[in-house]
Amino acid sequence: MLADGDELGLKSLTSWLRKDSGTAHLHVDPVGPENASTMSVLDAVDIVLSNAIAITNFAVAYATWREAKAHRPGTGAGTLVHGGTPVDISHLSADELAVLLTRLRSGEHEGDAE
């Protein structure tokens, strides 16, 4: 997930995911810009979604977080990057996001059986 210019929004999402019972176990790594002078600056977070349950839990937690922050326009963390391609997820419902993440994850494993 990218900060989309709102590092505080990304920190809020990261904190939300760590407190949510469905996503607290997810592997979430903060990623800072290469030229950052402080470790507290976030550019993105890398989130590992290893199975369908993790995908569903993340989608619900993300949608709930977004709704909780709805009063704050321009809240960051609305862009997912997959394989170097940014995808705007800020308008997706939890169900739509889960379907997208499932499709992206399925695509990662299509050639792995060799």
PDB file of N, CA and C in Angstrom:
ATOM      1  N   MET A   1       0.856  -1.163   0.000  1.00  0.00           N
ATOM      2  CA  MET A   1       0.000   0.000   0.000  1.00  0.00           C
ATOM      3  C   MET A   1       0.895   1.217   0.000  1.00  0.00           C
ATOM      4  N   LEU A   2       0.543   2.218  -0.794  1.00  0.00           N
ATOM      5  CA  LEU A   2       1.288   3.465  -0.840  1.00  0.00           C
ATOM      6  C   LEU A   2       0.662   4.504   0.075  1.00  0.00           C
ATOM      7  N   ALA A   3       1.492   5.439   0.537  1.00  0.00           N
ATOM      8  CA  ALA A   3       1.008   6.507   1.409  1.00  0.00           C
ATOM      9  C   ALA A   3       0.156   7.509   0.653  1.00  0.00           C
ATOM     10  N   ASP A   4       0.321   7.605  -0.642  1.00  0.00           N
ATOM     11  CA  ASP A   4      -0.434   8.558  -1.463  1.00  0.00           C
ATOM     12  C   ASP A   4      -0.323   9.983  -0.928  1.00  0.00           C
ATOM     13  N   GLY A   5       0.855  10.330  -0.410  1.00  0.00           N
ATOM     14  CA  GLY A   5       1.077  11.677   0.106  1.00  0.00           C
ATOM     15  C   GLY A   5       0.562  11.899   1.511  1.00  0.00           C
ATOM     16  N   ASP A   6      -0.003  10.894   2.126  1.00  0.00           N
ATOM     17  CA  ASP A   6      -0.549  11.017   3.476  1.00  0.00           C
ATOM     18  C   ASP A   6       0.077   9.944   4.363  1.00  0.00           C
ATOM     19  N   GLU A   7       1.293  10.227   4.820  1.00  0.00           N
ATOM     20  CA  GLU A   7       2.013   9.264   5.640  1.00  0.00           C
ATOM     21  C   GLU A   7       1.290   8.992   6.955  1.00  0.00           C
ATOM     22  N   LEU A   8       0.635  10.007   7.513  1.00  0.00           N
ATOM     23  CA  LEU A   8      -0.124   9.795   8.750  1.00  0.00           C
ATOM     24  C   LEU A   8      -1.295   8.838   8.523  1.00  0.00           C
ATOM     25  N   GLY A   9      -1.921   8.926   7.360  1.00  0.00           N
ATOM     26  CA  GLY A   9      -3.001   8.001   7.018  1.00  0.00           C
ATOM     27  C   GLY A   9      -2.491   6.577   6.925  1.00  0.00           C
ATOM     28  N   LEU A  10      -1.296   6.410   6.346  1.00  0.00           N
ATOM     29  CA  LEU A  10      -0.715   5.082   6.240  1.00  0.00           C
ATOM     30  C   LEU A  10      -0.334   4.540   7.617  1.00  0.00           C
ATOM     31  N   LYS A  11       0.187   5.404   8.483  1.00  0.00           N
ATOM     32  CA  LYS A  11       0.491   4.981   9.852  1.00  0.00           C
ATOM     33  C   LYS A  11      -0.791   4.573  10.571  1.00  0.00           C
ATOM     34  N   SER A  12      -1.864   5.325  10.330  1.00  0.00           N
ATOM     35  CA  SER A  12      -3.156   4.996  10.933  1.00  0.00           C
ATOM     36  C   SER A  12      -3.637   3.626  10.466  1.00  0.00           C
ATOM     37  N   LEU A  13      -3.527   3.351   9.162  1.00  0.00           N
ATOM     38  CA  LEU A  13      -3.937   2.057   8.630  1.00  0.00           C
ATOM     39  C   LEU A  13      -3.086   0.943   9.230  1.00  0.00           C
ATOM     40  N   THR A  14      -1.791   1.145   9.302  1.00  0.00           N
ATOM     41  CA  THR A  14      -0.895   0.137   9.871  1.00  0.00           C
ATOM     42  C   THR A  14      -1.275  -0.167  11.310  1.00  0.00           C
ATOM     43  N   SER A  15      -1.534   0.872  12.086  1.00  0.00           N
ATOM     44  CA  SER A  15      -1.947   0.697  13.477  1.00  0.00           C
ATOM     45  C   SER A  15      -3.280  -0.047  13.549  1.00  0.00           C
ATOM     46  N   TRP A  16      -4.216   0.319  12.678  1.00  0.00           N
ATOM     47  CA  TRP A  16      -5.536  -0.316  12.626  1.00  0.00           C
ATOM     48  C   TRP A  16      -5.384  -1.812  12.357  1.00  0.00           C
ATOM     49  N   LEU A  17      -4.537  -2.162  11.384  1.00  0.00           N
ATOM     50  CA  LEU A  17      -4.346  -3.566  11.033  1.00  0.00           C
ATOM     51  C   LEU A  17      -3.736  -4.351  12.186  1.00  0.00           C
ATOM     52  N   ARG A  18      -2.846  -3.721  12.930  1.00  0.00           N
ATOM     53  CA  ARG A  18      -2.196  -4.401  14.059  1.00  0.00           C
ATOM     54  C   ARG A  18      -3.154  -4.613  15.230  1.00  0.00           C
ATOM     55  N   LYS A  19      -4.178  -3.776  15.345  1.00  0.00           N
ATOM     56  CA  LYS A  19      -5.140  -3.886  16.446  1.00  0.00           C
ATOM     57  C   LYS A  19      -6.346  -4.750  16.095  1.00  0.00           C
ATOM     58  N   ASP A  20      -6.618  -4.916  14.809  1.00  0.00           N
ATOM     59  CA  ASP A  20      -7.770  -5.695  14.363  1.00  0.00           C
ATOM     60  C   ASP A  20      -7.496  -7.181  14.575  1.00  0.00           C
ATOM     61  N   SER A  21      -8.420  -7.877  15.208  1.00  0.00           N
ATOM     62  CA  SER A  21      -8.196  -9.295  15.520  1.00  0.00           C
ATOM     63  C   SER A  21      -8.023 -10.152  14.267  1.00  0.00           C
ATOM     64  N   GLY A  22      -8.634  -9.765  13.172  1.00  0.00           N
ATOM     65  CA  GLY A  22      -8.515 -10.544  11.935  1.00  0.00           C
ATOM     66  C   GLY A  22      -7.224 -10.313  11.188  1.00  0.00           C
ATOM     67  N   THR A  23      -6.561  -9.184  11.430  1.00  0.00           N
ATOM     68  CA  THR A  23      -5.356  -8.854  10.667  1.00  0.00           C
ATOM     69  C   THR A  23      -4.106  -8.686  11.525  1.00  0.00           C
ATOM     70  N   ALA A  24      -4.231  -8.814  12.829  1.00  0.00           N
ATOM     71  CA  ALA A  24      -3.086  -8.601  13.723  1.00  0.00           C
ATOM     72  C   ALA A  24      -1.932  -9.549  13.418  1.00  0.00           C
ATOM     73  N   HIS A  25      -2.229 -10.715  12.867  1.00  0.00           N
ATOM     74  CA  HIS A  25      -1.190 -11.702  12.564  1.00  0.00           C
ATOM     75  C   HIS A  25      -0.522 -11.478  11.205  1.00  0.00           C
ATOM     76  N   LEU A  26      -1.038 -10.562  10.392  1.00  0.00           N
ATOM     77  CA  LEU A  26      -0.463 -10.339   9.062  1.00  0.00           C
ATOM     78  C   LEU A  26       0.946  -9.783   9.156  1.00  0.00           C
ATOM     79  N   HIS A  27       1.762 -10.162   8.202  1.00  0.00           N
ATOM     80  CA  HIS A  27       3.122  -9.650   8.112  1.00  0.00           C
ATOM     81  C   HIS A  27       3.049  -8.279   7.415  1.00  0.00           C
ATOM     82  N   VAL A  28       3.249  -7.200   8.182  1.00  0.00           N
ATOM     83  CA  VAL A  28       3.169  -5.831   7.659  1.00  0.00           C
ATOM     84  C   VAL A  28       4.512  -5.148   7.911  1.00  0.00           C
ATOM     85  N   ASP A  29       5.214  -4.807   6.827  1.00  0.00           N
ATOM     86  CA  ASP A  29       6.521  -4.157   6.941  1.00  0.00           C
ATOM     87  C   ASP A  29       6.445  -2.716   6.470  1.00  0.00           C
ATOM     88  N   PRO A  30       6.778  -1.748   7.337  1.00  0.00           N
ATOM     89  CA  PRO A  30       6.857  -0.356   6.901  1.00  0.00           C
ATOM     90  C   PRO A  30       8.013  -0.182   5.915  1.00  0.00           C
ATOM     91  N   VAL A  31       7.799   0.629   4.897  1.00  0.00           N
ATOM     92  CA  VAL A  31       8.824   0.901   3.893  1.00  0.00           C
ATOM     93  C   VAL A  31       9.012   2.406   3.830  1.00  0.00           C
ATOM     94  N   GLY A  32      10.232   2.867   4.058  1.00  0.00           N
ATOM     95  CA  GLY A  32      10.529   4.294   4.014  1.00  0.00           C
ATOM     96  C   GLY A  32      11.177   4.687   2.703  1.00  0.00           C
ATOM     97  N   PRO A  33      11.102   5.961   2.353  1.00  0.00           N
ATOM     98  CA  PRO A  33      11.777   6.426   1.144  1.00  0.00           C
ATOM     99  C   PRO A  33      13.283   6.276   1.302  1.00  0.00           C
ATOM    100  N   GLU A  34      13.979   6.064   0.189  1.00  0.00           N
ATOM    101  CA  GLU A  34      15.423   5.831   0.214  1.00  0.00           C
ATOM    102  C   GLU A  34      16.206   6.972   0.843  1.00  0.00           C
ATOM    103  N   ASN A  35      15.749   8.198   0.669  1.00  0.00           N
ATOM    104  CA  ASN A  35      16.489   9.355   1.167  1.00  0.00           C
ATOM    105  C   ASN A  35      15.907   9.914   2.467  1.00  0.00           C
ATOM    106  N   ALA A  36      15.110   9.110   3.172  1.00  0.00           N
ATOM    107  CA  ALA A  36      14.490   9.580   4.416  1.00  0.00           C
ATOM    108  C   ALA A  36      15.552   9.770   5.492  1.00  0.00           C
ATOM    109  N   SER A  37      15.445  10.868   6.221  1.00  0.00           N
ATOM    110  CA  SER A  37      16.406  11.144   7.284  1.00  0.00           C
ATOM    111  C   SER A  37      15.930  10.592   8.623  1.00  0.00           C
ATOM    112  N   THR A  38      14.703  10.093   8.664  1.00  0.00           N
ATOM    113  CA  THR A  38      14.168   9.537   9.906  1.00  0.00           C
ATOM    114  C   THR A  38      13.433   8.238   9.618  1.00  0.00           C
ATOM    115  N   MET A  39      13.475   7.321  10.534  1.00  0.00           N
ATOM    116  CA  MET A  39      12.815   6.037  10.353  1.00  0.00           C
ATOM    117  C   MET A  39      11.297   6.137  10.514  1.00  0.00           C
ATOM    118  N   SER A  40      10.799   7.270  10.999  1.00  0.00           N
ATOM    119  CA  SER A  40       9.365   7.383  11.234  1.00  0.00           C
ATOM    120  C   SER A  40       8.574   7.741   9.983  1.00  0.00           C
ATOM    121  N   VAL A  41       9.260   8.077   8.892  1.00  0.00           N
ATOM    122  CA  VAL A  41       8.576   8.449   7.662  1.00  0.00           C
ATOM    123  C   VAL A  41       8.225   7.185   6.882  1.00  0.00           C
ATOM    124  N   LEU A  42       6.958   7.058   6.517  1.00  0.00           N
ATOM    125  CA  LEU A  42       6.505   5.907   5.736  1.00  0.00           C
ATOM    126  C   LEU A  42       6.114   6.343   4.344  1.00  0.00           C
ATOM    127  N   ASP A  43       6.563   5.601   3.381  1.00  0.00           N
ATOM    128  CA  ASP A  43       6.179   5.792   1.993  1.00  0.00           C
ATOM    129  C   ASP A  43       5.130   4.746   1.620  1.00  0.00           C
ATOM    130  N   ALA A  44       5.283   3.566   2.234  1.00  0.00           N
ATOM    131  CA  ALA A  44       4.425   2.434   1.903  1.00  0.00           C
ATOM    132  C   ALA A  44       4.522   1.391   3.005  1.00  0.00           C
ATOM    133  N   VAL A  45       3.611   0.429   2.958  1.00  0.00           N
ATOM    134  CA  VAL A  45       3.732  -0.766   3.787  1.00  0.00           C
ATOM    135  C   VAL A  45       3.600  -1.968   2.865  1.00  0.00           C
ATOM    136  N   ASP A  46       4.389  -2.977   3.161  1.00  0.00           N
ATOM    137  CA  ASP A  46       4.344  -4.227   2.425  1.00  0.00           C
ATOM    138  C   ASP A  46       3.528  -5.200   3.266  1.00  0.00           C
ATOM    139  N   ILE A  47       2.432  -5.697   2.713  1.00  0.00           N
ATOM    140  CA  ILE A  47       1.535  -6.585   3.450  1.00  0.00           C
ATOM    141  C   ILE A  47       1.497  -7.938   2.748  1.00  0.00           C
ATOM    142  N   VAL A  48       1.802  -8.986   3.492  1.00  0.00           N
ATOM    143  CA  VAL A  48       1.798 -10.329   2.935  1.00  0.00           C
ATOM    144  C   VAL A  48       0.449 -10.981   3.215  1.00  0.00           C
ATOM    145  N   LEU A  49      -0.268 -11.318   2.140  1.00  0.00           N
ATOM    146  CA  LEU A  49      -1.576 -11.970   2.248  1.00  0.00           C
ATOM    147  C   LEU A  49      -1.406 -13.388   1.723  1.00  0.00           C
ATOM    148  N   SER A  50      -1.253 -14.337   2.632  1.00  0.00           N
ATOM    149  CA  SER A  50      -0.856 -15.688   2.256  1.00  0.00           C
ATOM    150  C   SER A  50      -1.997 -16.638   1.921  1.00  0.00           C
ATOM    151  N   ASN A  51      -3.220 -16.295   2.273  1.00  0.00           N
ATOM    152  CA  ASN A  51      -4.334 -17.207   1.997  1.00  0.00           C
ATOM    153  C   ASN A  51      -5.643 -16.429   1.894  1.00  0.00           C
ATOM    154  N   ALA A  52      -6.700 -17.150   1.543  1.00  0.00           N
ATOM    155  CA  ALA A  52      -8.006 -16.517   1.335  1.00  0.00           C
ATOM    156  C   ALA A  52      -8.544 -15.864   2.601  1.00  0.00           C
ATOM    157  N   ILE A  53      -8.289 -16.466   3.758  1.00  0.00           N
ATOM    158  CA  ILE A  53      -8.766 -15.880   5.009  1.00  0.00           C
ATOM    159  C   ILE A  53      -8.054 -14.561   5.274  1.00  0.00           C
ATOM    160  N   ALA A  54      -6.749 -14.516   5.041  1.00  0.00           N
ATOM    161  CA  ALA A  54      -5.992 -13.276   5.233  1.00  0.00           C
ATOM    162  C   ALA A  54      -6.488 -12.193   4.275  1.00  0.00           C
ATOM    163  N   ILE A  55      -6.769 -12.583   3.039  1.00  0.00           N
ATOM    164  CA  ILE A  55      -7.278 -11.627   2.049  1.00  0.00           C
ATOM    165  C   ILE A  55      -8.614 -11.050   2.509  1.00  0.00           C
ATOM    166  N   THR A  56      -9.520 -11.916   2.920  1.00  0.00           N
ATOM    167  CA  THR A  56     -10.841 -11.465   3.371  1.00  0.00           C
ATOM    168  C   THR A  56     -10.731 -10.573   4.601  1.00  0.00           C
ATOM    169  N   ASN A  57      -9.926 -10.996   5.573  1.00  0.00           N
ATOM    170  CA  ASN A  57      -9.756 -10.202   6.797  1.00  0.00           C
ATOM    171  C   ASN A  57      -9.156  -8.839   6.486  1.00  0.00           C
ATOM    172  N   PHE A  58      -8.155  -8.797   5.595  1.00  0.00           N
ATOM    173  CA  PHE A  58      -7.562  -7.515   5.220  1.00  0.00           C
ATOM    174  C   PHE A  58      -8.585  -6.634   4.516  1.00  0.00           C
ATOM    175  N   ALA A  59      -9.336  -7.190   3.579  1.00  0.00           N
ATOM    176  CA  ALA A  59     -10.325  -6.411   2.832  1.00  0.00           C
ATOM    177  C   ALA A  59     -11.356  -5.790   3.765  1.00  0.00           C
ATOM    178  N   VAL A  60     -11.853  -6.573   4.718  1.00  0.00           N
ATOM    179  CA  VAL A  60     -12.836  -6.059   5.672  1.00  0.00           C
ATOM    180  C   VAL A  60     -12.203  -4.987   6.564  1.00  0.00           C
ATOM    181  N   ALA A  61     -10.999  -5.249   7.080  1.00  0.00           N
ATOM    182  CA  ALA A  61     -10.332  -4.273   7.954  1.00  0.00           C
ATOM    183  C   ALA A  61     -10.034  -2.986   7.200  1.00  0.00           C
ATOM    184  N   TYR A  62      -9.581  -3.094   5.940  1.00  0.00           N
ATOM    185  CA  TYR A  62      -9.289  -1.902   5.143  1.00  0.00           C
ATOM    186  C   TYR A  62     -10.561  -1.088   4.897  1.00  0.00           C
ATOM    187  N   ALA A  63     -11.637  -1.755   4.498  1.00  0.00           N
ATOM    188  CA  ALA A  63     -12.901  -1.054   4.240  1.00  0.00           C
ATOM    189  C   ALA A  63     -13.440  -0.403   5.512  1.00  0.00           C
ATOM    190  N   THR A  64     -13.315  -1.084   6.636  1.00  0.00           N
ATOM    191  CA  THR A  64     -13.767  -0.531   7.914  1.00  0.00           C
ATOM    192  C   THR A  64     -12.928   0.678   8.304  1.00  0.00           C
ATOM    193  N   TRP A  65     -11.608   0.571   8.136  1.00  0.00           N
ATOM    194  CA  TRP A  65     -10.704   1.698   8.418  1.00  0.00           C
ATOM    195  C   TRP A  65     -11.058   2.892   7.546  1.00  0.00           C
ATOM    196  N   ARG A  66     -11.278   2.630   6.249  1.00  0.00           N
ATOM    197  CA  ARG A  66     -11.615   3.710   5.314  1.00  0.00           C
ATOM    198  C   ARG A  66     -12.909   4.397   5.709  1.00  0.00           C
ATOM    199  N   GLU A  67     -13.912   3.619   6.124  1.00  0.00           N
ATOM    200  CA  GLU A  67     -15.176   4.199   6.589  1.00  0.00           C
ATOM    201  C   GLU A  67     -14.973   5.032   7.842  1.00  0.00           C
ATOM    202  N   ALA A  68     -14.140   4.556   8.754  1.00  0.00           N
ATOM    203  CA  ALA A  68     -13.871   5.293   9.993  1.00  0.00           C
ATOM    204  C   ALA A  68     -13.166   6.616   9.701  1.00  0.00           C
ATOM    205  N   LYS A  69     -12.425   6.664   8.617  1.00  0.00           N
ATOM    206  CA  LYS A  69     -11.679   7.871   8.246  1.00  0.00           C
ATOM    207  C   LYS A  69     -12.411   8.700   7.190  1.00  0.00           C
ATOM    208  N   ALA A  70     -13.645   8.359   6.882  1.00  0.00           N
ATOM    209  CA  ALA A  70     -14.388   9.009   5.796  1.00  0.00           C
ATOM    210  C   ALA A  70     -14.525  10.508   5.988  1.00  0.00           C
ATOM    211  N   HIS A  71     -14.537  10.947   7.234  1.00  0.00           N
ATOM    212  CA  HIS A  71     -14.672  12.375   7.504  1.00  0.00           C
ATOM    213  C   HIS A  71     -13.396  13.142   7.134  1.00  0.00           C
ATOM    214  N   ARG A  72     -12.349  12.436   6.858  1.00  0.00           N
ATOM    215  CA  ARG A  72     -11.064  13.057   6.553  1.00  0.00           C
ATOM    216  C   ARG A  72     -10.732  12.854   5.081  1.00  0.00           C
ATOM    217  N   PRO A  73     -11.092  13.794   4.202  1.00  0.00           N
ATOM    218  CA  PRO A  73     -10.847  13.616   2.776  1.00  0.00           C
ATOM    219  C   PRO A  73      -9.352  13.517   2.477  1.00  0.00           C
ATOM    220  N   GLY A  74      -9.040  12.740   1.462  1.00  0.00           N
ATOM    221  CA  GLY A  74      -7.652  12.614   1.041  1.00  0.00           C
ATOM    222  C   GLY A  74      -6.827  11.684   1.909  1.00  0.00           C
ATOM    223  N   THR A  75      -7.490  10.881   2.747  1.00  0.00           N
ATOM    224  CA  THR A  75      -6.738   9.935   3.566  1.00  0.00           C
ATOM    225  C   THR A  75      -5.967   9.002   2.655  1.00  0.00           C
ATOM    226  N   GLY A  76      -4.697   8.824   2.952  1.00  0.00           N
ATOM    227  CA  GLY A  76      -3.811   8.025   2.113  1.00  0.00           C
ATOM    228  C   GLY A  76      -4.110   6.548   2.175  1.00  0.00           C
ATOM    229  N   ALA A  77      -3.194   5.787   1.637  1.00  0.00           N
ATOM    230  CA  ALA A  77      -3.283   4.332   1.592  1.00  0.00           C
ATOM    231  C   ALA A  77      -4.475   3.887   0.761  1.00  0.00           C
ATOM    232  N   GLY A  78      -4.637   4.479  -0.391  1.00  0.00           N
ATOM    233  CA  GLY A  78      -5.693   4.069  -1.301  1.00  0.00           C
ATOM    234  C   GLY A  78      -5.151   3.445  -2.559  1.00  0.00           C
ATOM    235  N   THR A  79      -3.831   3.200  -2.579  1.00  0.00           N
ATOM    236  CA  THR A  79      -3.207   2.613  -3.754  1.00  0.00           C
ATOM    237  C   THR A  79      -2.459   1.346  -3.362  1.00  0.00           C
ATOM    238  N   LEU A  80      -2.785   0.276  -4.054  1.00  0.00           N
ATOM    239  CA  LEU A  80      -2.116  -1.003  -3.890  1.00  0.00           C
ATOM    240  C   LEU A  80      -1.138  -1.139  -5.052  1.00  0.00           C
ATOM    241  N   VAL A  81       0.050  -1.639  -4.788  1.00  0.00           N
ATOM    242  CA  VAL A  81       1.009  -1.898  -5.864  1.00  0.00           C
ATOM    243  C   VAL A  81       1.224  -3.395  -5.938  1.00  0.00           C
ATOM    244  N   HIS A  82       0.981  -3.943  -7.122  1.00  0.00           N
ATOM    245  CA  HIS A  82       1.148  -5.384  -7.340  1.00  0.00           C
ATOM    246  C   HIS A  82       2.022  -5.578  -8.567  1.00  0.00           C
ATOM    247  N   GLY A  83       3.167  -6.230  -8.375  1.00  0.00           N
ATOM    248  CA  GLY A  83       4.063  -6.463  -9.508  1.00  0.00           C
ATOM    249  C   GLY A  83       4.543  -5.178 -10.163  1.00  0.00           C
ATOM    250  N   GLY A  84       4.666  -4.133  -9.389  1.00  0.00           N
ATOM    251  CA  GLY A  84       5.116  -2.850  -9.920  1.00  0.00           C
ATOM    252  C   GLY A  84       4.006  -1.997 -10.518  1.00  0.00           C
ATOM    253  N   THR A  85       2.786  -2.504 -10.537  1.00  0.00           N
ATOM    254  CA  THR A  85       1.663  -1.765 -11.110  1.00  0.00           C
ATOM    255  C   THR A  85       0.779  -1.220  -9.997  1.00  0.00           C
ATOM    256  N   PRO A  86       0.588   0.115  -9.950  1.00  0.00           N
ATOM    257  CA  PRO A  86      -0.302   0.692  -8.939  1.00  0.00           C
ATOM    258  C   PRO A  86      -1.773   0.502  -9.325  1.00  0.00           C
ATOM    259  N   VAL A  87      -2.588   0.177  -8.312  1.00  0.00           N
ATOM    260  CA  VAL A  87      -4.025  -0.024  -8.513  1.00  0.00           C
ATOM    261  C   VAL A  87      -4.762   0.801  -7.464  1.00  0.00           C
ATOM    262  N   ASP A  88      -5.677   1.675  -7.904  1.00  0.00           N
ATOM    263  CA  ASP A  88      -6.475   2.475  -6.974  1.00  0.00           C
ATOM    264  C   ASP A  88      -7.552   1.581  -6.363  1.00  0.00           C
ATOM    265  N   ILE A  89      -7.489   1.412  -5.032  1.00  0.00           N
ATOM    266  CA  ILE A  89      -8.480   0.576  -4.348  1.00  0.00           C
ATOM    267  C   ILE A  89      -9.366   1.407  -3.424  1.00  0.00           C
ATOM    268  N   SER A  90      -9.207   2.715  -3.466  1.00  0.00           N
ATOM    269  CA  SER A  90      -9.894   3.583  -2.512  1.00  0.00           C
ATOM    270  C   SER A  90     -11.412   3.568  -2.656  1.00  0.00           C
ATOM    271  N   HIS A  91     -11.918   3.129  -3.784  1.00  0.00           N
ATOM    272  CA  HIS A  91     -13.366   3.131  -4.029  1.00  0.00           C
ATOM    273  C   HIS A  91     -13.997   1.746  -3.910  1.00  0.00           C
ATOM    274  N   LEU A  92     -13.179   0.717  -3.675  1.00  0.00           N
ATOM    275  CA  LEU A  92     -13.696  -0.643  -3.663  1.00  0.00           C
ATOM    276  C   LEU A  92     -14.335  -1.010  -2.325  1.00  0.00           C
ATOM    277  N   SER A  93     -15.410  -1.766  -2.406  1.00  0.00           N
ATOM    278  CA  SER A  93     -16.011  -2.320  -1.188  1.00  0.00           C
ATOM    279  C   SER A  93     -15.119  -3.460  -0.696  1.00  0.00           C
ATOM    280  N   ALA A  94     -15.395  -3.943   0.504  1.00  0.00           N
ATOM    281  CA  ALA A  94     -14.621  -5.061   1.048  1.00  0.00           C
ATOM    282  C   ALA A  94     -14.720  -6.282   0.130  1.00  0.00           C
ATOM    283  N   ASP A  95     -15.906  -6.564  -0.376  1.00  0.00           N
ATOM    284  CA  ASP A  95     -16.087  -7.721  -1.261  1.00  0.00           C
ATOM    285  C   ASP A  95     -15.318  -7.550  -2.568  1.00  0.00           C
ATOM    286  N   GLU A  96     -15.405  -6.339  -3.154  1.00  0.00           N
ATOM    287  CA  GLU A  96     -14.687  -6.080  -4.400  1.00  0.00           C
ATOM    288  C   GLU A  96     -13.177  -6.176  -4.196  1.00  0.00           C
ATOM    289  N   LEU A  97     -12.688  -5.659  -3.069  1.00  0.00           N
ATOM    290  CA  LEU A  97     -11.260  -5.722  -2.777  1.00  0.00           C
ATOM    291  C   LEU A  97     -10.820  -7.172  -2.575  1.00  0.00           C
ATOM    292  N   ALA A  98     -11.610  -7.965  -1.885  1.00  0.00           N
ATOM    293  CA  ALA A  98     -11.272  -9.374  -1.678  1.00  0.00           C
ATOM    294  C   ALA A  98     -11.189 -10.116  -3.007  1.00  0.00           C
ATOM    295  N   VAL A  99     -12.126  -9.852  -3.915  1.00  0.00           N
ATOM    296  CA  VAL A  99     -12.102 -10.486  -5.239  1.00  0.00           C
ATOM    297  C   VAL A  99     -10.843 -10.072  -5.993  1.00  0.00           C
ATOM    298  N   LEU A 100     -10.521  -8.789  -5.977  1.00  0.00           N
ATOM    299  CA  LEU A 100      -9.325  -8.301  -6.663  1.00  0.00           C
ATOM    300  C   LEU A 100      -8.068  -8.961  -6.099  1.00  0.00           C
ATOM    301  N   LEU A 101      -7.930  -8.983  -4.783  1.00  0.00           N
ATOM    302  CA  LEU A 101      -6.746  -9.561  -4.156  1.00  0.00           C
ATOM    303  C   LEU A 101      -6.644 -11.060  -4.435  1.00  0.00           C
ATOM    304  N   THR A 102      -7.771 -11.753  -4.442  1.00  0.00           N
ATOM    305  CA  THR A 102      -7.783 -13.182  -4.751  1.00  0.00           C
ATOM    306  C   THR A 102      -7.318 -13.413  -6.183  1.00  0.00           C
ATOM    307  N   ARG A 103      -7.809 -12.588  -7.100  1.00  0.00           N
ATOM    308  CA  ARG A 103      -7.395 -12.728  -8.508  1.00  0.00           C
ATOM    309  C   ARG A 103      -5.911 -12.429  -8.672  1.00  0.00           C
ATOM    310  N   LEU A 104      -5.427 -11.399  -8.008  1.00  0.00           N
ATOM    311  CA  LEU A 104      -4.007 -11.058  -8.097  1.00  0.00           C
ATOM    312  C   LEU A 104      -3.157 -12.187  -7.527  1.00  0.00           C
ATOM    313  N   ARG A 105      -3.571 -12.727  -6.387  1.00  0.00           N
ATOM    314  CA  ARG A 105      -2.824 -13.823  -5.763  1.00  0.00           C
ATOM    315  C   ARG A 105      -2.857 -15.067  -6.639  1.00  0.00           C
ATOM    316  N   SER A 106      -3.984 -15.373  -7.240  1.00  0.00           N
ATOM    317  CA  SER A 106      -4.091 -16.539  -8.134  1.00  0.00           C
ATOM    318  C   SER A 106      -3.178 -16.383  -9.332  1.00  0.00           C
ATOM    319  N   GLY A 107      -3.071 -15.184  -9.840  1.00  0.00           N
ATOM    320  CA  GLY A 107      -2.189 -14.916 -10.976  1.00  0.00           C
ATOM    321  C   GLY A 107      -0.726 -15.125 -10.636  1.00  0.00           C
ATOM    322  N   GLU A 108      -0.357 -14.897  -9.389  1.00  0.00           N
ATOM    323  CA  GLU A 108       1.033 -15.082  -8.961  1.00  0.00           C
ATOM    324  C   GLU A 108       1.429 -16.541  -9.027  1.00  0.00           C
ATOM    325  N   HIS A 109       0.489 -17.464  -8.836  1.00  0.00           N
ATOM    326  CA  HIS A 109       0.802 -18.879  -8.712  1.00  0.00           C
ATOM    327  C   HIS A 109       0.508 -19.670  -9.980  1.00  0.00           C
ATOM    328  N   GLU A 110       0.080 -19.013 -11.061  1.00  0.00           N
ATOM    329  CA  GLU A 110      -0.328 -19.751 -12.269  1.00  0.00           C
ATOM    330  C   GLU A 110       0.812 -20.527 -12.898  1.00  0.00           C
ATOM    331  N   GLY A 111       2.043 -20.057 -12.869  1.00  0.00           N
ATOM    332  CA  GLY A 111       3.135 -20.781 -13.498  1.00  0.00           C
ATOM    333  C   GLY A 111       4.044 -21.480 -12.514  1.00  0.00           C
ATOM    334  N   ASP A 112       3.655 -21.581 -11.281  1.00  0.00           N
ATOM    335  CA  ASP A 112       4.540 -22.102 -10.231  1.00  0.00           C
ATOM    336  C   ASP A 112       4.595 -23.621 -10.154  1.00  0.00           C
ATOM    337  N   ALA A 113       3.753 -24.355 -10.850  1.00  0.00           N
ATOM    338  CA  ALA A 113       3.665 -25.806 -10.681  1.00  0.00           C
ATOM    339  C   ALA A 113       4.712 -26.582 -11.483  1.00  0.00           C
ATOM    340  N   GLU A 114       5.602 -25.936 -12.173  1.00  0.00           N
ATOM    341  CA  GLU A 114       6.603 -26.622 -12.997  1.00  0.00           C
ATOM    342  C   GLU A 114       7.634 -27.328 -12.190  1.00  0.00           C
TER     343      GLU A 114
END
